[in-house]
N, C-alpha and C. Protein backbone atom coordinates (compact mmCIF):
# COMPACT_ATOMS: atom_id res chain seq x y z
N MET A 1 14.88 -12.05 -13.70
CA MET A 1 16.02 -11.22 -13.98
C MET A 1 16.39 -11.31 -15.46
N VAL A 2 16.48 -12.52 -15.96
CA VAL A 2 16.86 -12.69 -17.36
C VAL A 2 15.80 -12.13 -18.29
N LYS A 3 14.54 -12.32 -17.92
CA LYS A 3 13.46 -11.82 -18.77
C LYS A 3 13.55 -10.31 -18.91
N ARG A 4 13.77 -9.63 -17.80
CA ARG A 4 13.88 -8.17 -17.83
C ARG A 4 15.10 -7.74 -18.65
N PHE A 5 16.20 -8.47 -18.46
CA PHE A 5 17.41 -8.18 -19.21
C PHE A 5 17.17 -8.37 -20.71
N TRP A 6 16.52 -9.48 -21.08
CA TRP A 6 16.24 -9.77 -22.49
C TRP A 6 15.34 -8.69 -23.09
N GLU A 7 14.34 -8.25 -22.33
CA GLU A 7 13.45 -7.20 -22.82
C GLU A 7 14.22 -5.91 -23.06
N SER A 8 15.17 -5.61 -22.19
CA SER A 8 15.94 -4.37 -22.36
C SER A 8 16.86 -4.46 -23.58
N LEU A 9 17.24 -5.67 -23.96
CA LEU A 9 18.11 -5.83 -25.12
C LEU A 9 17.34 -6.06 -26.42
N SER A 10 16.05 -6.25 -26.34
CA SER A 10 15.29 -6.59 -27.55
C SER A 10 15.39 -5.50 -28.62
N ASP A 11 15.37 -4.26 -28.21
CA ASP A 11 15.51 -3.17 -29.19
C ASP A 11 16.86 -3.23 -29.89
N TRP A 12 17.92 -3.44 -29.11
CA TRP A 12 19.25 -3.54 -29.69
C TRP A 12 19.36 -4.77 -30.58
N ALA A 13 18.73 -5.85 -30.18
CA ALA A 13 18.78 -7.08 -30.99
C ALA A 13 18.13 -6.84 -32.35
N GLU A 14 17.04 -6.11 -32.37
CA GLU A 14 16.37 -5.81 -33.64
C GLU A 14 17.26 -4.94 -34.52
N VAL A 15 17.89 -3.97 -33.91
CA VAL A 15 18.75 -3.06 -34.67
C VAL A 15 19.94 -3.81 -35.24
N LEU A 16 20.51 -4.71 -34.47
CA LEU A 16 21.70 -5.44 -34.90
C LEU A 16 21.36 -6.73 -35.65
N SER A 17 20.09 -6.97 -35.87
CA SER A 17 19.61 -8.16 -36.55
C SER A 17 20.03 -9.45 -35.86
N MET A 18 20.04 -9.41 -34.55
CA MET A 18 20.33 -10.62 -33.79
C MET A 18 19.05 -11.42 -33.67
N ASP A 19 19.18 -12.72 -33.79
CA ASP A 19 18.00 -13.55 -33.69
C ASP A 19 18.30 -14.74 -32.78
N ASP A 20 17.65 -14.78 -31.66
CA ASP A 20 17.76 -15.88 -30.72
C ASP A 20 16.36 -16.17 -30.21
N PRO A 21 15.54 -16.82 -31.04
CA PRO A 21 14.13 -16.97 -30.71
C PRO A 21 13.86 -17.73 -29.41
N HIS A 22 14.77 -18.60 -29.04
CA HIS A 22 14.55 -19.37 -27.82
C HIS A 22 15.30 -18.80 -26.63
N GLY A 23 16.08 -17.81 -26.86
CA GLY A 23 16.85 -17.20 -25.78
C GLY A 23 17.91 -18.14 -25.23
N ASP A 24 18.39 -19.07 -26.06
CA ASP A 24 19.37 -20.05 -25.59
C ASP A 24 20.62 -19.39 -25.02
N TYR A 25 21.09 -18.38 -25.69
CA TYR A 25 22.30 -17.71 -25.23
C TYR A 25 22.10 -17.15 -23.82
N LEU A 26 20.97 -16.50 -23.61
CA LEU A 26 20.73 -15.89 -22.30
C LEU A 26 20.51 -16.94 -21.22
N PHE A 27 19.88 -18.05 -21.56
CA PHE A 27 19.70 -19.11 -20.58
C PHE A 27 21.05 -19.70 -20.17
N ARG A 28 21.94 -19.90 -21.13
CA ARG A 28 23.27 -20.40 -20.81
C ARG A 28 24.03 -19.37 -19.98
N LEU A 29 23.87 -18.11 -20.33
CA LEU A 29 24.53 -17.05 -19.58
C LEU A 29 24.02 -17.04 -18.14
N GLU A 30 22.72 -17.18 -17.95
CA GLU A 30 22.15 -17.20 -16.61
C GLU A 30 22.71 -18.38 -15.81
N GLU A 31 22.84 -19.53 -16.44
CA GLU A 31 23.40 -20.70 -15.76
C GLU A 31 24.85 -20.46 -15.35
N ARG A 32 25.61 -19.83 -16.24
CA ARG A 32 27.01 -19.53 -15.92
C ARG A 32 27.11 -18.54 -14.77
N VAL A 33 26.25 -17.53 -14.77
CA VAL A 33 26.27 -16.55 -13.68
C VAL A 33 25.88 -17.22 -12.37
N ALA A 34 24.87 -18.09 -12.40
CA ALA A 34 24.46 -18.81 -11.18
C ALA A 34 25.59 -19.67 -10.66
N LYS A 35 26.32 -20.33 -11.55
CA LYS A 35 27.44 -21.16 -11.15
C LYS A 35 28.53 -20.31 -10.49
N LEU A 36 28.83 -19.16 -11.09
CA LEU A 36 29.83 -18.26 -10.51
C LEU A 36 29.39 -17.74 -9.14
N GLU A 37 28.09 -17.45 -9.00
CA GLU A 37 27.58 -16.97 -7.72
C GLU A 37 27.72 -18.05 -6.65
N ARG A 38 27.44 -19.33 -7.02
CA ARG A 38 27.61 -20.43 -6.06
C ARG A 38 29.07 -20.57 -5.66
N LYS A 39 29.97 -20.49 -6.62
CA LYS A 39 31.40 -20.59 -6.31
C LYS A 39 31.84 -19.44 -5.40
N LEU A 40 31.33 -18.26 -5.66
CA LEU A 40 31.67 -17.11 -4.83
C LEU A 40 31.17 -17.31 -3.41
N ASP A 41 29.95 -17.81 -3.27
CA ASP A 41 29.41 -18.08 -1.93
C ASP A 41 30.27 -19.10 -1.20
N ASP A 42 30.70 -20.15 -1.92
CA ASP A 42 31.56 -21.16 -1.31
C ASP A 42 32.87 -20.56 -0.84
N LEU A 43 33.46 -19.72 -1.69
CA LEU A 43 34.72 -19.08 -1.32
C LEU A 43 34.56 -18.15 -0.12
N GLN A 44 33.46 -17.43 -0.08
CA GLN A 44 33.21 -16.53 1.05
C GLN A 44 33.02 -17.32 2.33
N THR A 45 32.32 -18.44 2.23
CA THR A 45 32.10 -19.29 3.40
C THR A 45 33.43 -19.86 3.88
N GLN A 46 34.26 -20.31 2.96
CA GLN A 46 35.57 -20.84 3.32
C GLN A 46 36.44 -19.77 3.97
N SER A 47 36.40 -18.56 3.44
CA SER A 47 37.25 -17.51 3.99
C SER A 47 36.80 -17.11 5.39
N ARG A 48 35.50 -17.20 5.66
CA ARG A 48 35.01 -16.89 7.01
C ARG A 48 35.37 -18.01 7.98
N ALA A 49 35.45 -19.24 7.50
CA ALA A 49 35.73 -20.38 8.35
C ALA A 49 37.22 -20.52 8.64
N THR A 50 38.07 -19.94 7.80
CA THR A 50 39.51 -20.04 7.98
C THR A 50 39.97 -18.96 8.95
N PRO A 51 40.56 -19.38 10.08
CA PRO A 51 41.02 -18.36 11.04
C PRO A 51 42.21 -17.58 10.49
N VAL A 52 42.24 -16.35 10.82
CA VAL A 52 43.33 -15.48 10.39
C VAL A 52 44.36 -15.46 11.50
N GLU A 53 45.60 -15.73 11.15
CA GLU A 53 46.67 -15.75 12.14
C GLU A 53 47.12 -14.34 12.48
N SER A 54 47.37 -14.14 13.74
CA SER A 54 47.95 -12.87 14.13
C SER A 54 49.47 -13.02 14.08
N PRO A 55 50.22 -11.94 14.03
CA PRO A 55 51.68 -12.03 13.95
C PRO A 55 52.29 -12.83 15.11
N ASP A 56 51.64 -12.83 16.27
CA ASP A 56 52.16 -13.55 17.44
C ASP A 56 51.96 -15.05 17.33
N ASP A 57 51.11 -15.52 16.42
CA ASP A 57 50.81 -16.93 16.27
C ASP A 57 51.86 -17.66 15.46
N ARG A 58 52.75 -16.95 14.81
CA ARG A 58 53.76 -17.58 13.96
C ARG A 58 54.81 -18.32 14.80
N VAL A 59 55.24 -19.44 14.25
CA VAL A 59 56.29 -20.21 14.91
C VAL A 59 57.63 -19.60 14.54
N ARG A 60 58.48 -19.45 15.52
CA ARG A 60 59.79 -18.83 15.27
C ARG A 60 60.87 -19.84 15.35
C-alpha cells in the first residue's frame, strides 16, 4: 500500500523538490495509520460487546 502511494507521489515530490530517499516519513505514517486502525478495531469490538440498554431497563 505504501509503495503504491509513494510511487503516486513521486512526481509531485520531484516537482516540489522533496527528498526522502529512505521513505522515513511514509514508514512512520504507515505505522501511525496501523496504530489507529488497531485502536479502531478495539473500539468496534468493545462497542459490540457492550449491551445497549432499552428504555425499559432503566431504574426508576
